[in-house]
Amino acid sequence: MYVDLLTNTSLLDPSVWTSSDVLSAAVDYQAKKRKGGSGLFIIGGLCCLLVIVGIVGIIYLLTKRKNQQ
């Protein structure tokens, strides 16, 4: 996909990309695209937090068991 885009860039008119309408449309598109991924970010953060808590719990149990022996 990116290679196709790079090979066709010489066919694009530079005046189109400098238009303020194109810039505002691109900014609006990115804003809409980012709103949908916020739930995934929260779920990913919770998963990372659970993994860290699990690792700390395992280390605590291993050091506790080692001190009892």
PDB file of N, CA and C in Angstrom:
ATOM      1  N   MET A   1       0.825  -1.183   0.000  1.00  0.00           N
ATOM      2  CA  MET A   1       0.000   0.000   0.000  1.00  0.00           C
ATOM      3  C   MET A   1       0.869   1.246   0.000  1.00  0.00           C
ATOM      4  N   TYR A   2       1.868   1.289   0.854  1.00  0.00           N
ATOM      5  CA  TYR A   2       2.720   2.473   0.943  1.00  0.00           C
ATOM      6  C   TYR A   2       3.589   2.631  -0.303  1.00  0.00           C
ATOM      7  N   VAL A   3       4.023   1.513  -0.883  1.00  0.00           N
ATOM      8  CA  VAL A   3       4.844   1.585  -2.084  1.00  0.00           C
ATOM      9  C   VAL A   3       4.029   2.169  -3.227  1.00  0.00           C
ATOM     10  N   ASP A   4       2.781   1.768  -3.335  1.00  0.00           N
ATOM     11  CA  ASP A   4       1.907   2.305  -4.362  1.00  0.00           C
ATOM     12  C   ASP A   4       1.701   3.803  -4.175  1.00  0.00           C
ATOM     13  N   LEU A   5       1.548   4.221  -2.938  1.00  0.00           N
ATOM     14  CA  LEU A   5       1.377   5.642  -2.648  1.00  0.00           C
ATOM     15  C   LEU A   5       2.631   6.429  -3.008  1.00  0.00           C
ATOM     16  N   LEU A   6       3.783   5.875  -2.699  1.00  0.00           N
ATOM     17  CA  LEU A   6       5.029   6.572  -2.997  1.00  0.00           C
ATOM     18  C   LEU A   6       5.295   6.655  -4.498  1.00  0.00           C
ATOM     19  N   THR A   7       4.895   5.647  -5.242  1.00  0.00           N
ATOM     20  CA  THR A   7       5.152   5.684  -6.682  1.00  0.00           C
ATOM     21  C   THR A   7       4.203   6.621  -7.414  1.00  0.00           C
ATOM     22  N   ASN A   8       3.059   6.910  -6.810  1.00  0.00           N
ATOM     23  CA  ASN A   8       2.081   7.787  -7.470  1.00  0.00           C
ATOM     24  C   ASN A   8       2.120   9.216  -6.959  1.00  0.00           C
ATOM     25  N   THR A   9       3.034   9.577  -6.104  1.00  0.00           N
ATOM     26  CA  THR A   9       3.061  10.931  -5.563  1.00  0.00           C
ATOM     27  C   THR A   9       3.424  11.969  -6.607  1.00  0.00           C
ATOM     28  N   SER A  10       4.146  11.585  -7.630  1.00  0.00           N
ATOM     29  CA  SER A  10       4.492  12.559  -8.664  1.00  0.00           C
ATOM     30  C   SER A  10       3.278  12.939  -9.494  1.00  0.00           C
ATOM     31  N   LEU A  11       2.219  12.137  -9.465  1.00  0.00           N
ATOM     32  CA  LEU A  11       1.006  12.427 -10.219  1.00  0.00           C
ATOM     33  C   LEU A  11       0.082  13.396  -9.496  1.00  0.00           C
ATOM     34  N   LEU A  12       0.333  13.651  -8.222  1.00  0.00           N
ATOM     35  CA  LEU A  12      -0.537  14.528  -7.444  1.00  0.00           C
ATOM     36  C   LEU A  12      -0.159  15.989  -7.637  1.00  0.00           C
ATOM     37  N   ASP A  13      -1.162  16.826  -7.627  1.00  0.00           N
ATOM     38  CA  ASP A  13      -0.941  18.260  -7.776  1.00  0.00           C
ATOM     39  C   ASP A  13      -0.603  18.849  -6.406  1.00  0.00           C
ATOM     40  N   PRO A  14       0.545  19.508  -6.242  1.00  0.00           N
ATOM     41  CA  PRO A  14       0.920  20.065  -4.934  1.00  0.00           C
ATOM     42  C   PRO A  14      -0.040  21.134  -4.427  1.00  0.00           C
ATOM     43  N   SER A  15      -0.741  21.816  -5.312  1.00  0.00           N
ATOM     44  CA  SER A  15      -1.665  22.851  -4.855  1.00  0.00           C
ATOM     45  C   SER A  15      -2.852  22.260  -4.106  1.00  0.00           C
ATOM     46  N   VAL A  16      -3.168  21.006  -4.378  1.00  0.00           N
ATOM     47  CA  VAL A  16      -4.266  20.351  -3.662  1.00  0.00           C
ATOM     48  C   VAL A  16      -3.895  20.153  -2.200  1.00  0.00           C
ATOM     49  N   TRP A  17      -2.657  19.756  -1.939  1.00  0.00           N
ATOM     50  CA  TRP A  17      -2.232  19.467  -0.565  1.00  0.00           C
ATOM     51  C   TRP A  17      -2.037  20.727   0.260  1.00  0.00           C
ATOM     52  N   THR A  18      -1.853  21.879  -0.376  1.00  0.00           N
ATOM     53  CA  THR A  18      -1.674  23.131   0.372  1.00  0.00           C
ATOM     54  C   THR A  18      -2.992  23.811   0.663  1.00  0.00           C
ATOM     55  N   SER A  19      -4.086  23.284   0.163  1.00  0.00           N
ATOM     56  CA  SER A  19      -5.404  23.859   0.409  1.00  0.00           C
ATOM     57  C   SER A  19      -5.802  23.654   1.869  1.00  0.00           C
ATOM     58  N   SER A  20      -6.426  24.683   2.447  1.00  0.00           N
ATOM     59  CA  SER A  20      -6.845  24.585   3.849  1.00  0.00           C
ATOM     60  C   SER A  20      -7.989  23.594   4.018  1.00  0.00           C
ATOM     61  N   ASP A  21      -8.792  23.392   2.974  1.00  0.00           N
ATOM     62  CA  ASP A  21      -9.888  22.420   3.061  1.00  0.00           C
ATOM     63  C   ASP A  21      -9.357  21.003   3.219  1.00  0.00           C
ATOM     64  N   VAL A  22      -8.298  20.688   2.515  1.00  0.00           N
ATOM     65  CA  VAL A  22      -7.705  19.356   2.609  1.00  0.00           C
ATOM     66  C   VAL A  22      -7.104  19.146   3.996  1.00  0.00           C
ATOM     67  N   LEU A  23      -6.457  20.176   4.517  1.00  0.00           N
ATOM     68  CA  LEU A  23      -5.862  20.073   5.851  1.00  0.00           C
ATOM     69  C   LEU A  23      -6.930  19.881   6.916  1.00  0.00           C
ATOM     70  N   SER A  24      -8.013  20.647   6.853  1.00  0.00           N
ATOM     71  CA  SER A  24      -9.068  20.509   7.857  1.00  0.00           C
ATOM     72  C   SER A  24      -9.767  19.156   7.733  1.00  0.00           C
ATOM     73  N   ALA A  25      -9.931  18.661   6.519  1.00  0.00           N
ATOM     74  CA  ALA A  25     -10.540  17.338   6.350  1.00  0.00           C
ATOM     75  C   ALA A  25      -9.635  16.251   6.921  1.00  0.00           C
ATOM     76  N   ALA A  26      -8.337  16.391   6.740  1.00  0.00           N
ATOM     77  CA  ALA A  26      -7.403  15.402   7.281  1.00  0.00           C
ATOM     78  C   ALA A  26      -7.389  15.426   8.803  1.00  0.00           C
ATOM     79  N   VAL A  27      -7.459  16.616   9.390  1.00  0.00           N
ATOM     80  CA  VAL A  27      -7.479  16.742  10.850  1.00  0.00           C
ATOM     81  C   VAL A  27      -8.768  16.152  11.410  1.00  0.00           C
ATOM     82  N   ASP A  28      -9.893  16.423  10.748  1.00  0.00           N
ATOM     83  CA  ASP A  28     -11.163  15.850  11.195  1.00  0.00           C
ATOM     84  C   ASP A  28     -11.152  14.323  11.093  1.00  0.00           C
ATOM     85  N   TYR A  29     -10.578  13.802  10.033  1.00  0.00           N
ATOM     86  CA  TYR A  29     -10.502  12.346   9.856  1.00  0.00           C
ATOM     87  C   TYR A  29      -9.657  11.708  10.957  1.00  0.00           C
ATOM     88  N   GLN A  30      -8.532  12.327  11.289  1.00  0.00           N
ATOM     89  CA  GLN A  30      -7.679  11.790  12.350  1.00  0.00           C
ATOM     90  C   GLN A  30      -8.373  11.855  13.700  1.00  0.00           C
ATOM     91  N   ALA A  31      -9.139  12.925  13.947  1.00  0.00           N
ATOM     92  CA  ALA A  31      -9.857  13.037  15.221  1.00  0.00           C
ATOM     93  C   ALA A  31     -10.916  11.946  15.345  1.00  0.00           C
ATOM     94  N   LYS A  32     -11.640  11.675  14.269  1.00  0.00           N
ATOM     95  CA  LYS A  32     -12.643  10.610  14.301  1.00  0.00           C
ATOM     96  C   LYS A  32     -11.986   9.250  14.477  1.00  0.00           C
ATOM     97  N   LYS A  33     -10.838   9.070  13.850  1.00  0.00           N
ATOM     98  CA  LYS A  33     -10.132   7.794  13.924  1.00  0.00           C
ATOM     99  C   LYS A  33      -9.614   7.532  15.337  1.00  0.00           C
ATOM    100  N   ARG A  34      -9.196   8.570  16.015  1.00  0.00           N
ATOM    101  CA  ARG A  34      -8.647   8.395  17.367  1.00  0.00           C
ATOM    102  C   ARG A  34      -9.726   8.156  18.405  1.00  0.00           C
ATOM    103  N   LYS A  35     -10.923   8.692  18.215  1.00  0.00           N
ATOM    104  CA  LYS A  35     -11.992   8.515  19.191  1.00  0.00           C
ATOM    105  C   LYS A  35     -12.386   7.055  19.343  1.00  0.00           C
ATOM    106  N   GLY A  36     -12.370   6.296  18.272  1.00  0.00           N
ATOM    107  CA  GLY A  36     -12.791   4.903  18.330  1.00  0.00           C
ATOM    108  C   GLY A  36     -11.818   3.998  19.057  1.00  0.00           C
ATOM    109  N   GLY A  37     -10.571   4.363  19.172  1.00  0.00           N
ATOM    110  CA  GLY A  37      -9.573   3.488  19.771  1.00  0.00           C
ATOM    111  C   GLY A  37      -9.348   3.702  21.250  1.00  0.00           C
ATOM    112  N   SER A  38     -10.099   4.590  21.888  1.00  0.00           N
ATOM    113  CA  SER A  38      -9.856   4.871  23.298  1.00  0.00           C
ATOM    114  C   SER A  38     -10.217   3.676  24.183  1.00  0.00           C
ATOM    115  N   GLY A  39     -11.248   2.921  23.820  1.00  0.00           N
ATOM    116  CA  GLY A  39     -11.626   1.752  24.599  1.00  0.00           C
ATOM    117  C   GLY A  39     -10.562   0.680  24.552  1.00  0.00           C
ATOM    118  N   LEU A  40      -9.955   0.516  23.406  1.00  0.00           N
ATOM    119  CA  LEU A  40      -8.880  -0.464  23.262  1.00  0.00           C
ATOM    120  C   LEU A  40      -7.672  -0.070  24.099  1.00  0.00           C
ATOM    121  N   PHE A  41      -7.397   1.224  24.173  1.00  0.00           N
ATOM    122  CA  PHE A  41      -6.282   1.717  24.982  1.00  0.00           C
ATOM    123  C   PHE A  41      -6.509   1.428  26.458  1.00  0.00           C
ATOM    124  N   ILE A  42      -7.731   1.598  26.915  1.00  0.00           N
ATOM    125  CA  ILE A  42      -8.055   1.336  28.332  1.00  0.00           C
ATOM    126  C   ILE A  42      -7.923  -0.150  28.635  1.00  0.00           C
ATOM    127  N   ILE A  43      -8.417  -0.998  27.754  1.00  0.00           N
ATOM    128  CA  ILE A  43      -8.317  -2.447  27.961  1.00  0.00           C
ATOM    129  C   ILE A  43      -6.858  -2.888  27.963  1.00  0.00           C
ATOM    130  N   GLY A  44      -6.061  -2.334  27.052  1.00  0.00           N
ATOM    131  CA  GLY A  44      -4.631  -2.661  27.011  1.00  0.00           C
ATOM    132  C   GLY A  44      -3.917  -2.230  28.278  1.00  0.00           C
ATOM    133  N   GLY A  45      -4.265  -1.063  28.793  1.00  0.00           N
ATOM    134  CA  GLY A  45      -3.660  -0.578  30.039  1.00  0.00           C
ATOM    135  C   GLY A  45      -4.013  -1.468  31.220  1.00  0.00           C
ATOM    136  N   LEU A  46      -5.265  -1.906  31.266  1.00  0.00           N
ATOM    137  CA  LEU A  46      -5.671  -2.803  32.359  1.00  0.00           C
ATOM    138  C   LEU A  46      -4.954  -4.143  32.275  1.00  0.00           C
ATOM    139  N   CYS A  47      -4.777  -4.648  31.080  1.00  0.00           N
ATOM    140  CA  CYS A  47      -4.056  -5.917  30.919  1.00  0.00           C
ATOM    141  C   CYS A  47      -2.608  -5.782  31.375  1.00  0.00           C
ATOM    142  N   CYS A  48      -1.965  -4.695  31.006  1.00  0.00           N
ATOM    143  CA  CYS A  48      -0.582  -4.463  31.446  1.00  0.00           C
ATOM    144  C   CYS A  48      -0.501  -4.357  32.963  1.00  0.00           C
ATOM    145  N   LEU A  49      -1.462  -3.673  33.545  1.00  0.00           N
ATOM    146  CA  LEU A  49      -1.482  -3.532  35.002  1.00  0.00           C
ATOM    147  C   LEU A  49      -1.656  -4.888  35.673  1.00  0.00           C
ATOM    148  N   LEU A  50      -2.530  -5.723  35.142  1.00  0.00           N
ATOM    149  CA  LEU A  50      -2.719  -7.057  35.717  1.00  0.00           C
ATOM    150  C   LEU A  50      -1.467  -7.912  35.606  1.00  0.00           C
ATOM    151  N   VAL A  51      -0.747  -7.800  34.499  1.00  0.00           N
ATOM    152  CA  VAL A  51       0.493  -8.561  34.339  1.00  0.00           C
ATOM    153  C   VAL A  51       1.524  -8.098  35.368  1.00  0.00           C
ATOM    154  N   ILE A  52       1.639  -6.797  35.566  1.00  0.00           N
ATOM    155  CA  ILE A  52       2.603  -6.277  36.545  1.00  0.00           C
ATOM    156  C   ILE A  52       2.237  -6.724  37.950  1.00  0.00           C
ATOM    157  N   VAL A  53       0.957  -6.664  38.296  1.00  0.00           N
ATOM    158  CA  VAL A  53       0.523  -7.105  39.628  1.00  0.00           C
ATOM    159  C   VAL A  53       0.801  -8.604  39.795  1.00  0.00           C
ATOM    160  N   GLY A  54       0.587  -9.390  38.753  1.00  0.00           N
ATOM    161  CA  GLY A  54       0.872 -10.820  38.823  1.00  0.00           C
ATOM    162  C   GLY A  54       2.349 -11.101  39.041  1.00  0.00           C
ATOM    163  N   ILE A  55       3.204 -10.386  38.341  1.00  0.00           N
ATOM    164  CA  ILE A  55       4.651 -10.578  38.503  1.00  0.00           C
ATOM    165  C   ILE A  55       5.089 -10.201  39.915  1.00  0.00           C
ATOM    166  N   VAL A  56       4.587  -9.079  40.422  1.00  0.00           N
ATOM    167  CA  VAL A  56       4.941  -8.662  41.788  1.00  0.00           C
ATOM    168  C   VAL A  56       4.428  -9.685  42.795  1.00  0.00           C
ATOM    169  N   GLY A  57       3.235 -10.228  42.579  1.00  0.00           N
ATOM    170  CA  GLY A  57       2.686 -11.248  43.478  1.00  0.00           C
ATOM    171  C   GLY A  57       3.525 -12.516  43.485  1.00  0.00           C
ATOM    172  N   ILE A  58       3.976 -12.944  42.318  1.00  0.00           N
ATOM    173  CA  ILE A  58       4.823 -14.150  42.239  1.00  0.00           C
ATOM    174  C   ILE A  58       6.148 -13.912  42.949  1.00  0.00           C
ATOM    175  N   ILE A  59       6.750 -12.759  42.747  1.00  0.00           N
ATOM    176  CA  ILE A  59       8.021 -12.449  43.417  1.00  0.00           C
ATOM    177  C   ILE A  59       7.831 -12.415  44.932  1.00  0.00           C
ATOM    178  N   TYR A  60       6.721 -11.835  45.384  1.00  0.00           N
ATOM    179  CA  TYR A  60       6.446 -11.781  46.821  1.00  0.00           C
ATOM    180  C   TYR A  60       6.287 -13.189  47.409  1.00  0.00           C
ATOM    181  N   LEU A  61       5.540 -14.028  46.719  1.00  0.00           N
ATOM    182  CA  LEU A  61       5.343 -15.391  47.221  1.00  0.00           C
ATOM    183  C   LEU A  61       6.642 -16.189  47.237  1.00  0.00           C
ATOM    184  N   LEU A  62       7.465 -16.019  46.221  1.00  0.00           N
ATOM    185  CA  LEU A  62       8.745 -16.745  46.177  1.00  0.00           C
ATOM    186  C   LEU A  62       9.688 -16.276  47.284  1.00  0.00           C
ATOM    187  N   THR A  63       9.743 -14.973  47.543  1.00  0.00           N
ATOM    188  CA  THR A  63      10.635 -14.487  48.619  1.00  0.00           C
ATOM    189  C   THR A  63      10.074 -14.889  49.986  1.00  0.00           C
ATOM    190  N   LYS A  64       8.773 -14.920  50.138  1.00  0.00           N
ATOM    191  CA  LYS A  64       8.173 -15.347  51.406  1.00  0.00           C
ATOM    192  C   LYS A  64       8.462 -16.816  51.671  1.00  0.00           C
ATOM    193  N   ARG A  65       8.367 -17.640  50.640  1.00  0.00           N
ATOM    194  CA  ARG A  65       8.622 -19.067  50.776  1.00  0.00           C
ATOM    195  C   ARG A  65      10.106 -19.308  51.080  1.00  0.00           C
ATOM    196  N   LYS A  66      10.976 -18.530  50.457  1.00  0.00           N
ATOM    197  CA  LYS A  66      12.408 -18.690  50.673  1.00  0.00           C
ATOM    198  C   LYS A  66      12.794 -18.310  52.097  1.00  0.00           C
ATOM    199  N   ASN A  67      12.158 -17.302  52.670  1.00  0.00           N
ATOM    200  CA  ASN A  67      12.457 -16.870  54.040  1.00  0.00           C
ATOM    201  C   ASN A  67      11.962 -17.871  55.069  1.00  0.00           C
ATOM    202  N   GLN A  68      10.900 -18.625  54.752  1.00  0.00           N
ATOM    203  CA  GLN A  68      10.374 -19.620  55.688  1.00  0.00           C
ATOM    204  C   GLN A  68      11.280 -20.846  55.773  1.00  0.00           C
ATOM    205  N   GLN A  69      12.044 -21.126  54.730  1.00  0.00           N
ATOM    206  CA  GLN A  69      12.921 -22.299  54.753  1.00  0.00           C
ATOM    207  C   GLN A  69      14.161 -21.972  55.450  1.00  0.00           C
TER     208      GLN A  69
END
